C-alpha atoms as a PDB file:
ATOM      1  CA  MET A   1       0.000   0.000   0.000  1.00  0.00           C
ATOM      2  CA  SER A   2       1.395   3.387  -0.952  1.00  0.00           C
ATOM      3  CA  THR A   3       1.281   6.406   1.315  1.00  0.00           C
ATOM      4  CA  SER A   4      -0.899   8.420  -1.073  1.00  0.00           C
ATOM      5  CA  CYS A   5      -3.752   5.987  -1.698  1.00  0.00           C
ATOM      6  CA  ALA A   6      -4.766   2.353  -1.459  1.00  0.00           C
ATOM      7  CA  THR A   7      -4.180   0.249  -4.552  1.00  0.00           C
ATOM      8  CA  TRP A   8      -6.360  -2.583  -5.734  1.00  0.00           C
ATOM      9  CA  GLY A   9      -4.203  -5.095  -7.570  1.00  0.00           C
ATOM     10  CA  ALA A  10      -3.833  -4.313 -11.241  1.00  0.00           C
ATOM     11  CA  TRP A  11      -7.171  -2.435 -11.526  1.00  0.00           C
ATOM     12  CA  ARG A  12      -8.611  -5.189 -13.722  1.00  0.00           C
ATOM     13  CA  ARG A  13     -11.687  -5.981 -11.653  1.00  0.00           C
ATOM     14  CA  GLY A  14     -14.099  -3.877 -13.687  1.00  0.00           C
ATOM     15  CA  GLY A  15     -17.131  -1.994 -12.459  1.00  0.00           C
ATOM     16  CA  SER A  16     -17.030   1.100 -10.307  1.00  0.00           C
ATOM     17  CA  ASP A  17     -16.863  -0.585  -6.903  1.00  0.00           C
ATOM     18  CA  GLU A  18     -13.248   0.296  -6.174  1.00  0.00           C
ATOM     19  CA  PRO A  19     -12.228   3.582  -4.621  1.00  0.00           C
ATOM     20  CA  THR A  20     -10.833   6.076  -7.075  1.00  0.00           C
ATOM     21  CA  ASN A  21      -7.259   7.244  -7.098  1.00  0.00           C
ATOM     22  CA  GLY A  22      -8.013  10.217  -9.328  1.00  0.00           C
ATOM     23  CA  ALA A  23      -6.872   8.431 -12.491  1.00  0.00           C
ATOM     24  CA  ASP A  24      -8.629   9.019 -15.795  1.00  0.00           C
ATOM     25  CA  VAL A  25     -11.609   6.829 -16.595  1.00  0.00           C
ATOM     26  CA  VAL A  26     -10.642   4.750 -19.634  1.00  0.00           C
ATOM     27  CA  VAL A  27     -13.403   3.111 -21.647  1.00  0.00           C
ATOM     28  CA  THR A  28     -12.926   0.591 -24.442  1.00  0.00           C
ATOM     29  CA  ALA A  29     -15.970   0.522 -26.705  1.00  0.00           C
ATOM     30  CA  TYR A  30     -16.787  -1.444 -29.818  1.00  0.00           C
ATOM     31  CA  LYS A  31     -19.181  -0.585 -32.610  1.00  0.00           C
ATOM     32  CA  LYS A  32     -20.721  -3.078 -34.975  1.00  0.00           C
ATOM     33  CA  PRO A  33     -20.423  -1.974 -38.617  1.00  0.00           C
ATOM     34  CA  ILE A  34     -23.617  -0.953 -40.367  1.00  0.00           C
ATOM     35  CA  SER A  35     -24.492  -3.586 -42.952  1.00  0.00           C
ATOM     36  CA  THR A  36     -24.028  -2.883 -46.645  1.00  0.00           C
ATOM     37  CA  LEU A  37     -26.136  -4.487 -49.386  1.00  0.00           C
ATOM     38  CA  ARG A  38     -24.078  -4.717 -52.566  1.00  0.00           C
ATOM     39  CA  LYS A  39     -26.982  -6.138 -54.567  1.00  0.00           C
ATOM     40  CA  GLY A  40     -30.644  -5.311 -54.053  1.00  0.00           C
ATOM     41  CA  LEU A  41     -32.706  -8.013 -52.372  1.00  0.00           C
ATOM     42  CA  PRO A  42     -35.925  -9.452 -53.800  1.00  0.00           C
ATOM     43  CA  SER A  43     -38.859  -7.319 -52.721  1.00  0.00           C
ATOM     44  CA  VAL A  44     -42.365  -6.250 -53.735  1.00  0.00           C
ATOM     45  CA  ASP A  45     -43.608  -2.877 -54.970  1.00  0.00           C
ATOM     46  CA  LEU A  46     -46.453  -2.186 -52.517  1.00  0.00           C
ATOM     47  CA  ASP A  47     -48.346   0.031 -55.001  1.00  0.00           C
ATOM     48  CA  SER A  48     -48.515  -2.499 -57.858  1.00  0.00           C
ATOM     49  CA  MET A  49     -47.796  -5.666 -55.825  1.00  0.00           C
ATOM     50  CA  GLU A  50     -45.319  -6.637 -58.568  1.00  0.00           C
ATOM     51  CA  PRO A  51     -41.970  -8.251 -57.758  1.00  0.00           C
ATOM     52  CA  HIS A  52     -39.277  -5.642 -57.481  1.00  0.00           C
ATOM     53  CA  LYS A  53     -35.613  -5.577 -56.547  1.00  0.00           C
ATOM     54  CA  SER A  54     -34.673  -3.293 -53.638  1.00  0.00           C
ATOM     55  CA  GLN A  55     -31.914  -0.782 -54.176  1.00  0.00           C
ATOM     56  CA  SER A  56     -28.420  -1.423 -52.951  1.00  0.00           C
ATOM     57  CA  GLU A  57     -27.568   0.191 -49.611  1.00  0.00           C
ATOM     58  CA  ARG A  58     -24.192   1.489 -48.541  1.00  0.00           C
ATOM     59  CA  GLY A  59     -23.110   1.471 -44.904  1.00  0.00           C
ATOM     60  CA  ASP A  60     -22.901   4.901 -43.300  1.00  0.00           C
ATOM     61  CA  VAL A  61     -19.266   5.652 -42.479  1.00  0.00           C
ATOM     62  CA  ALA A  62     -20.314   8.814 -40.649  1.00  0.00           C
ATOM     63  CA  ALA A  63     -21.912   6.764 -37.856  1.00  0.00           C
ATOM     64  CA  LEU A  64     -18.629   6.265 -35.983  1.00  0.00           C
ATOM     65  CA  PRO A  65     -18.172   9.890 -34.804  1.00  0.00           C
ATOM     66  CA  ALA A  66     -21.797   9.931 -33.638  1.00  0.00           C
ATOM     67  CA  ALA A  67     -21.215   6.699 -31.720  1.00  0.00           C
ATOM     68  CA  GLY A  68     -18.390   8.381 -29.803  1.00  0.00           C
ATOM     69  CA  VAL A  69     -20.712  11.178 -28.690  1.00  0.00           C
ATOM     70  CA  ILE A  70     -23.348   8.672 -27.606  1.00  0.00           C
ATOM     71  CA  ALA A  71     -20.786   6.558 -25.721  1.00  0.00           C
ATOM     72  CA  GLU A  72     -19.461   9.649 -23.910  1.00  0.00           C
ATOM     73  CA  ALA A  73     -22.987  10.606 -22.859  1.00  0.00           C
ATOM     74  CA  MET A  74     -23.681   7.087 -21.589  1.00  0.00           C
ATOM     75  CA  VAL A  75     -20.448   7.023 -19.561  1.00  0.00           C
ATOM     76  CA  ALA A  76     -21.453  10.358 -18.002  1.00  0.00           C
ATOM     77  CA  LEU A  77     -24.877   8.936 -17.083  1.00  0.00           C
ATOM     78  CA  VAL A  78     -23.377   5.783 -15.551  1.00  0.00           C
ATOM     79  CA  LEU A  79     -20.853   7.801 -13.517  1.00  0.00           C
ATOM     80  CA  ALA A  80     -23.580  10.200 -12.351  1.00  0.00           C
ATOM     81  CA  ASP A  81     -25.718   7.218 -11.317  1.00  0.00           C
ATOM     82  CA  ALA A  82     -22.793   5.742  -9.355  1.00  0.00           C
ATOM     83  CA  LEU A  83     -22.232   9.107  -7.645  1.00  0.00           C
ATOM     84  CA  LEU A  84     -25.892   9.336  -6.658  1.00  0.00           C
ATOM     85  CA  GLU A  85     -25.841   5.744  -5.401  1.00  0.00           C
ATOM     86  CA  LYS A  86     -22.749   6.467  -3.291  1.00  0.00           C
ATOM     87  CA  LEU A  87     -23.731   9.868  -1.901  1.00  0.00           C
ATOM     88  CA  GLY A  88     -27.522   9.935  -2.133  1.00  0.00           C
ATOM     89  CA  GLY A  89     -29.601  12.994  -1.452  1.00  0.00           C
ATOM     90  CA  ASP A  90     -32.909  14.454  -2.572  1.00  0.00           C
ATOM     91  CA  SER A  91     -31.531  17.728  -3.915  1.00  0.00           C
ATOM     92  CA  LEU A  92     -28.374  19.159  -5.410  1.00  0.00           C
ATOM     93  CA  GLN A  93     -27.753  20.983  -2.122  1.00  0.00           C
ATOM     94  CA  GLU A  94     -27.860  17.675  -0.210  1.00  0.00           C
ATOM     95  CA  LEU A  95     -25.649  15.977  -2.801  1.00  0.00           C
ATOM     96  CA  ARG A  96     -23.047  18.746  -2.474  1.00  0.00           C
ATOM     97  CA  ALA A  97     -23.140  18.500   1.325  1.00  0.00           C
ATOM     98  CA  HIS A  98     -22.613  14.717   1.174  1.00  0.00           C
ATOM     99  CA  PHE A  99     -19.805  15.202  -1.351  1.00  0.00           C
ATOM    100  CA  GLU A 100     -18.038  17.738   0.884  1.00  0.00           C
ATOM    101  CA  ALA A 101     -18.456  15.448   3.899  1.00  0.00           C
ATOM    102  CA  THR A 102     -16.952  12.555   1.938  1.00  0.00           C
ATOM    103  CA  LEU A 103     -14.016  14.718   0.834  1.00  0.00           C
ATOM    104  CA  SER A 104     -13.307  15.857   4.387  1.00  0.00           C
ATOM    105  CA  GLN A 105     -13.371  12.232   5.576  1.00  0.00           C
ATOM    106  CA  GLN A 106     -10.892  11.272   2.849  1.00  0.00           C
ATOM    107  CA  ARG A 107      -8.599  14.183   3.717  1.00  0.00           C
ATOM    108  CA  ALA A 108      -8.630  13.160   7.381  1.00  0.00           C
ATOM    109  CA  TRP A 109      -7.791   9.532   6.543  1.00  0.00           C
ATOM    110  CA  PRO A 110      -4.361   8.597   7.881  1.00  0.00           C
ATOM    111  CA  GLY A 111      -1.860   8.370   5.122  1.00  0.00           C
END
């Protein structure tokens, strides 16, 4: 155990149950590629009810930057939920008071 903070093995346990040491939160995310249809599939024209071939569809390569924004928002929601679970409170004023109390306890911890 170091004098600055407790360490938890190699930090490979996952989840947010360990105490934080102030390190950055690192997230590894994967995105499934959007499917591409090179040839149109058999279909039906709903107006005439005649057989028709659907048009070919190209995967959207612009979806990846949007996925990053969505992933960042979800990480923020999960971290906010963990903070509320840890500190509780019915208002922002209560949450801040619990946060300050937690910080003062951590500062007073022998180290």
